[in-house]
Amino acid sequence: MWLYRSSGCTERHIILFEYQPTRSHTHPKKFLEGFTGLLHADGYPAYHKLIGMTIVGCWVHCRRKFVDALKTIPKAKRDSSVAQEAIQRIGQLFHMEDQWANLPPDEIYELRLEKSKPKAEAFFIWLGTQNVLPQMATGKAIKYALSQREWLMNVYLDGRTELSNNRIENSVRPYALGRRNWLFCNTVNGAIASSIVYSIIETAVANGLKPFEYLEFLLETAPTAASEAIDTLLPWGEAVPKQCRMPIVRSA
């Protein structure tokens, strides 16, 4: 299941699930044909094969490697470990982002260049000086971070970018949790149907709608709606009744 969504700086949030039989880069290549902007993604190599797009890596995925490595280190040695320091260094970047969260993108961009980017560059220089066996968990985390440096540093190209890919992670979590219950889809048509339903539900939630009420509204209205009126049924459309637009609270 491939998942695409609009960025956090957009007024209208769109989340699209797309079933494909493989994990080949040809699928996002086809879906994103004609797109030439910044693309947030995790470290999956398929995204790095996309032409004409600037991939922005995920610092959370980088940090997670060191968190996993820290678990393999005896508790008495963790505080002085390379993994712990790496986590602290990455944490400083996120701490600054929290402080700037409500600022406009152009101000964030300038602050990043002045305060955050030097720390990120120092982080990679520091990693390159660490003498850790490559087969150890910390060694693997260092190798991963250094291999992702190009894309991780792309966050500093624009103030609208984010340090993490958490928006897409949060959007896909309900599907991942549900899959533990149903285990699999019996047919391709079932997988496609699932992707459509989840696209509608998650887009509704992202735009502050009650998903059940919105689905009910669509099922009652869409079958008889004129083709030129379909746009008004979208989550931000004028035909969506107020009872669907009541804010809902979702646990993090």
Protein backbone atom coordinates (compact mmCIF):
# COMPACT_ATOMS: atom_id res chain seq x y z
CA MET A 1 0.00 0.00 0.00
CA TRP A 2 1.56 3.28 -1.16
CA LEU A 3 0.51 6.46 0.61
CA TYR A 4 0.69 10.06 -0.57
CA ARG A 5 -0.42 13.20 1.21
CA SER A 6 -0.21 16.97 0.92
CA SER A 7 2.16 18.90 3.14
CA GLY A 8 1.35 20.56 6.44
CA CYS A 9 1.44 24.07 4.97
CA THR A 10 -1.54 23.49 2.67
CA GLU A 11 -5.02 24.74 3.49
CA ARG A 12 -6.69 21.60 2.14
CA HIS A 13 -5.24 18.28 3.23
CA ILE A 14 -5.36 15.34 0.82
CA ILE A 15 -4.40 11.76 1.78
CA LEU A 16 -4.40 9.06 -0.87
CA PHE A 17 -3.82 5.34 -0.43
CA GLU A 18 -2.92 3.40 -3.57
CA TYR A 19 -2.64 -0.37 -3.78
CA GLN A 20 0.13 -1.73 -6.01
CA PRO A 21 1.38 -5.33 -6.27
CA THR A 22 5.07 -4.43 -5.68
CA ARG A 23 7.34 -1.94 -3.91
CA SER A 24 8.99 -0.83 -7.16
CA HIS A 25 9.91 2.82 -7.65
CA THR A 26 7.90 2.73 -10.88
CA HIS A 27 4.68 3.19 -8.89
CA PRO A 28 5.51 6.54 -7.21
CA LYS A 29 7.21 7.57 -10.46
CA LYS A 30 3.92 7.11 -12.33
CA PHE A 31 1.76 8.60 -9.58
CA LEU A 32 3.97 11.69 -9.23
CA GLU A 33 4.54 12.20 -12.95
CA GLY A 34 4.87 15.92 -13.66
CA PHE A 35 5.63 16.83 -10.04
CA THR A 36 8.93 18.69 -9.54
CA GLY A 37 8.73 19.98 -5.97
CA LEU A 38 10.01 18.90 -2.57
CA LEU A 39 9.00 15.38 -1.58
CA HIS A 40 9.15 14.20 2.04
CA ALA A 41 9.99 10.50 2.32
CA ASP A 42 11.62 7.95 4.57
CA GLY A 43 14.92 6.32 3.65
CA TYR A 44 13.43 3.74 1.27
CA PRO A 45 15.78 3.71 -1.78
CA ALA A 46 12.88 3.65 -4.27
CA TYR A 47 12.22 7.35 -3.66
CA HIS A 48 15.82 8.25 -4.42
CA LYS A 49 15.34 6.96 -7.97
CA LEU A 50 12.65 9.52 -8.76
CA ILE A 51 13.73 12.08 -11.35
CA GLY A 52 13.01 15.79 -11.10
CA MET A 53 12.06 15.80 -7.42
CA THR A 54 14.01 16.92 -4.38
CA ILE A 55 13.72 14.26 -1.67
CA VAL A 56 13.64 15.52 1.92
CA GLY A 57 14.71 12.79 4.34
CA CYS A 58 13.30 11.96 7.75
CA TRP A 59 15.36 12.74 10.85
CA VAL A 60 13.03 10.62 12.98
CA HIS A 61 13.99 7.51 11.02
CA CYS A 62 17.64 8.44 11.53
CA ARG A 63 17.14 8.95 15.27
CA ARG A 64 15.25 5.65 15.54
CA LYS A 65 18.34 3.73 14.40
CA PHE A 66 20.31 5.12 17.33
CA VAL A 67 17.44 4.49 19.76
CA ASP A 68 17.44 0.84 18.69
CA ALA A 69 21.22 0.73 19.03
CA LEU A 70 21.03 2.20 22.54
CA LYS A 71 18.85 -0.73 23.63
CA THR A 72 21.72 -3.13 22.86
CA ILE A 73 24.14 -1.30 25.16
CA PRO A 74 24.40 -2.19 28.87
CA LYS A 75 22.57 0.40 30.98
CA ALA A 76 25.73 1.35 32.86
CA LYS A 77 27.39 2.42 29.59
CA ARG A 78 24.49 4.09 27.81
CA ASP A 79 24.98 7.66 29.05
CA SER A 80 28.51 7.83 27.63
CA SER A 81 27.74 5.96 24.42
CA VAL A 82 27.91 7.24 20.85
CA ALA A 83 24.26 6.28 20.38
CA GLN A 84 23.16 8.44 23.34
CA GLU A 85 25.10 11.45 22.12
CA ALA A 86 23.68 11.02 18.61
CA ILE A 87 20.17 11.00 20.06
CA GLN A 88 20.91 14.17 22.05
CA ARG A 89 22.36 15.94 19.02
CA ILE A 90 19.32 15.12 16.87
CA GLY A 91 17.08 16.10 19.78
CA GLN A 92 18.57 19.60 19.71
CA LEU A 93 17.37 20.02 16.13
CA PHE A 94 13.83 19.03 17.06
CA HIS A 95 13.87 21.25 20.14
CA MET A 96 14.61 24.26 17.96
CA GLU A 97 11.84 23.27 15.56
CA ASP A 98 9.36 23.20 18.46
CA GLN A 99 10.36 26.75 19.38
CA TRP A 100 9.81 27.97 15.81
CA ALA A 101 6.63 26.02 15.10
CA ASN A 102 4.34 29.08 14.93
CA LEU A 103 6.64 31.26 12.83
CA PRO A 104 6.11 31.86 9.09
CA PRO A 105 8.16 29.69 6.69
CA ASP A 106 10.54 32.48 5.64
CA GLU A 107 11.54 33.13 9.27
CA ILE A 108 11.95 29.41 9.93
CA TYR A 109 14.18 29.16 6.88
CA GLU A 110 16.49 31.94 8.12
CA LEU A 111 16.63 30.57 11.67
CA ARG A 112 17.46 27.12 10.41
CA LEU A 113 20.36 28.40 8.35
CA GLU A 114 21.69 30.38 11.31
CA LYS A 115 21.14 28.00 14.21
CA SER A 116 20.09 24.52 13.10
CA LYS A 117 22.04 23.77 9.94
CA PRO A 118 25.48 24.27 11.58
CA LYS A 119 24.51 21.74 14.26
CA ALA A 120 23.32 19.26 11.63
CA GLU A 121 26.56 19.62 9.68
CA ALA A 122 28.58 19.21 12.89
CA PHE A 123 26.57 16.07 13.65
CA PHE A 124 27.64 14.38 10.44
CA ILE A 125 31.26 15.49 10.85
CA TRP A 126 31.22 14.06 14.37
CA LEU A 127 29.72 10.77 13.14
CA GLY A 128 32.53 10.41 10.64
CA THR A 129 35.10 10.50 13.44
CA GLN A 130 33.55 7.69 15.48
CA ASN A 131 35.49 4.45 15.60
CA VAL A 132 32.68 1.91 15.95
CA LEU A 133 32.66 -1.61 14.54
CA PRO A 134 30.35 -1.62 11.49
CA GLN A 135 28.65 -4.89 12.51
CA MET A 136 27.50 -3.41 15.82
CA ALA A 137 24.07 -1.79 16.06
CA THR A 138 25.63 1.63 16.62
CA GLY A 139 27.91 1.11 13.64
CA LYS A 140 24.92 0.28 11.48
CA ALA A 141 23.10 3.38 12.73
CA ILE A 142 26.11 5.54 11.84
CA LYS A 143 26.31 4.01 8.38
CA TYR A 144 22.60 4.62 7.80
CA ALA A 145 22.81 8.25 8.95
CA LEU A 146 25.82 9.01 6.76
CA SER A 147 24.18 7.33 3.76
CA GLN A 148 21.10 9.54 4.24
CA ARG A 149 23.01 12.79 4.75
CA GLU A 150 22.21 14.26 1.34
CA TRP A 151 18.46 13.89 1.79
CA LEU A 152 18.38 14.75 5.49
CA MET A 153 20.12 18.06 4.80
CA ASN A 154 17.54 18.97 2.16
CA VAL A 155 15.25 20.09 4.99
CA TYR A 156 17.28 23.31 4.99
CA LEU A 157 16.26 24.21 1.44
CA ASP A 158 12.86 25.61 2.40
CA GLY A 159 11.12 26.85 5.53
CA ARG A 160 7.99 24.83 4.70
CA THR A 161 9.77 21.49 5.04
CA GLU A 162 9.71 19.41 8.22
CA LEU A 163 12.42 17.42 9.98
CA SER A 164 10.32 14.29 10.03
CA ASN A 165 7.98 12.31 7.82
CA ASN A 166 5.58 11.95 10.76
CA ARG A 167 2.58 13.32 8.90
CA ILE A 168 2.56 10.35 6.55
CA GLU A 169 3.42 7.98 9.40
CA ASN A 170 0.40 9.18 11.37
CA SER A 171 -1.84 8.87 8.32
CA VAL A 172 -0.84 5.27 7.64
CA ARG A 173 -0.98 4.14 11.29
CA PRO A 174 -4.75 3.40 11.33
CA TYR A 175 -4.31 1.14 8.30
CA ALA A 176 -1.30 -0.60 9.84
CA LEU A 177 -3.19 -1.21 13.09
CA GLY A 178 -6.28 -2.43 11.27
CA ARG A 179 -4.22 -4.85 9.21
CA ARG A 180 -3.31 -6.69 12.40
CA ASN A 181 -6.99 -7.57 12.75
CA TRP A 182 -7.90 -8.53 9.20
CA LEU A 183 -4.35 -9.77 8.37
CA PHE A 184 -4.71 -9.45 4.60
CA CYS A 185 -7.01 -8.67 1.68
CA ASN A 186 -8.34 -11.73 -0.13
CA THR A 187 -8.38 -10.14 -3.57
CA VAL A 188 -6.82 -7.29 -5.54
CA ASN A 189 -10.26 -5.69 -5.79
CA GLY A 190 -10.54 -5.86 -2.02
CA ALA A 191 -7.18 -4.14 -1.60
CA ILE A 192 -8.18 -1.43 -4.06
CA ALA A 193 -11.52 -0.93 -2.28
CA SER A 194 -9.69 -0.67 1.02
CA SER A 195 -7.37 1.99 -0.39
CA ILE A 196 -10.35 4.05 -1.58
CA VAL A 197 -12.19 3.87 1.75
CA TYR A 198 -9.08 4.75 3.73
CA SER A 199 -8.34 7.66 1.40
CA ILE A 200 -11.81 9.08 2.07
CA ILE A 201 -11.68 8.50 5.83
CA GLU A 202 -8.18 9.85 6.45
CA THR A 203 -8.75 12.88 4.21
CA ALA A 204 -11.96 13.60 6.11
CA VAL A 205 -10.20 13.36 9.45
CA ALA A 206 -7.31 15.56 8.27
CA ASN A 207 -9.82 18.25 7.31
CA GLY A 208 -11.67 18.19 10.64
CA LEU A 209 -14.65 16.06 9.63
CA LYS A 210 -16.37 13.23 11.43
CA PRO A 211 -15.57 10.26 9.19
CA PHE A 212 -18.77 8.27 9.87
CA GLU A 213 -21.05 11.23 9.24
CA TYR A 214 -19.09 12.20 6.15
CA LEU A 215 -19.22 8.68 4.70
CA GLU A 216 -22.94 8.56 5.39
CA PHE A 217 -23.37 11.89 3.63
CA LEU A 218 -21.40 10.68 0.59
CA LEU A 219 -23.31 7.41 0.30
CA GLU A 220 -26.61 9.25 0.42
CA THR A 221 -25.64 12.13 -1.86
CA ALA A 222 -22.98 11.06 -4.36
CA PRO A 223 -25.06 8.47 -6.31
CA THR A 224 -27.54 11.11 -7.47
CA ALA A 225 -25.20 14.10 -7.67
CA ALA A 226 -24.54 15.69 -11.05
CA SER A 227 -21.00 15.32 -12.33
CA GLU A 228 -20.39 19.07 -12.14
CA ALA A 229 -21.39 19.03 -8.45
CA ILE A 230 -18.90 16.36 -7.33
CA ASP A 231 -16.33 18.96 -6.24
CA THR A 232 -18.81 20.36 -3.73
CA LEU A 233 -18.90 16.97 -1.97
CA LEU A 234 -15.19 16.98 -1.18
CA PRO A 235 -14.25 17.51 2.50
CA TRP A 236 -13.86 21.27 1.96
CA GLY A 237 -16.86 21.53 -0.39
CA GLU A 238 -19.78 23.82 0.26
CA ALA A 239 -22.32 20.97 0.12
CA VAL A 240 -20.89 19.17 3.16
CA PRO A 241 -23.37 19.75 6.03
CA LYS A 242 -22.33 21.33 9.30
CA GLN A 243 -22.92 18.14 11.30
CA CYS A 244 -20.04 16.56 9.38
CA ARG A 245 -17.75 19.49 10.08
CA MET A 246 -17.87 19.33 13.84
CA PRO A 247 -14.30 19.01 15.12
CA ILE A 248 -13.22 15.59 16.32
CA VAL A 249 -10.41 14.58 18.63
CA ARG A 250 -8.00 11.81 17.67
CA SER A 251 -5.43 10.35 20.00
CA ALA A 252 -1.82 10.89 18.96
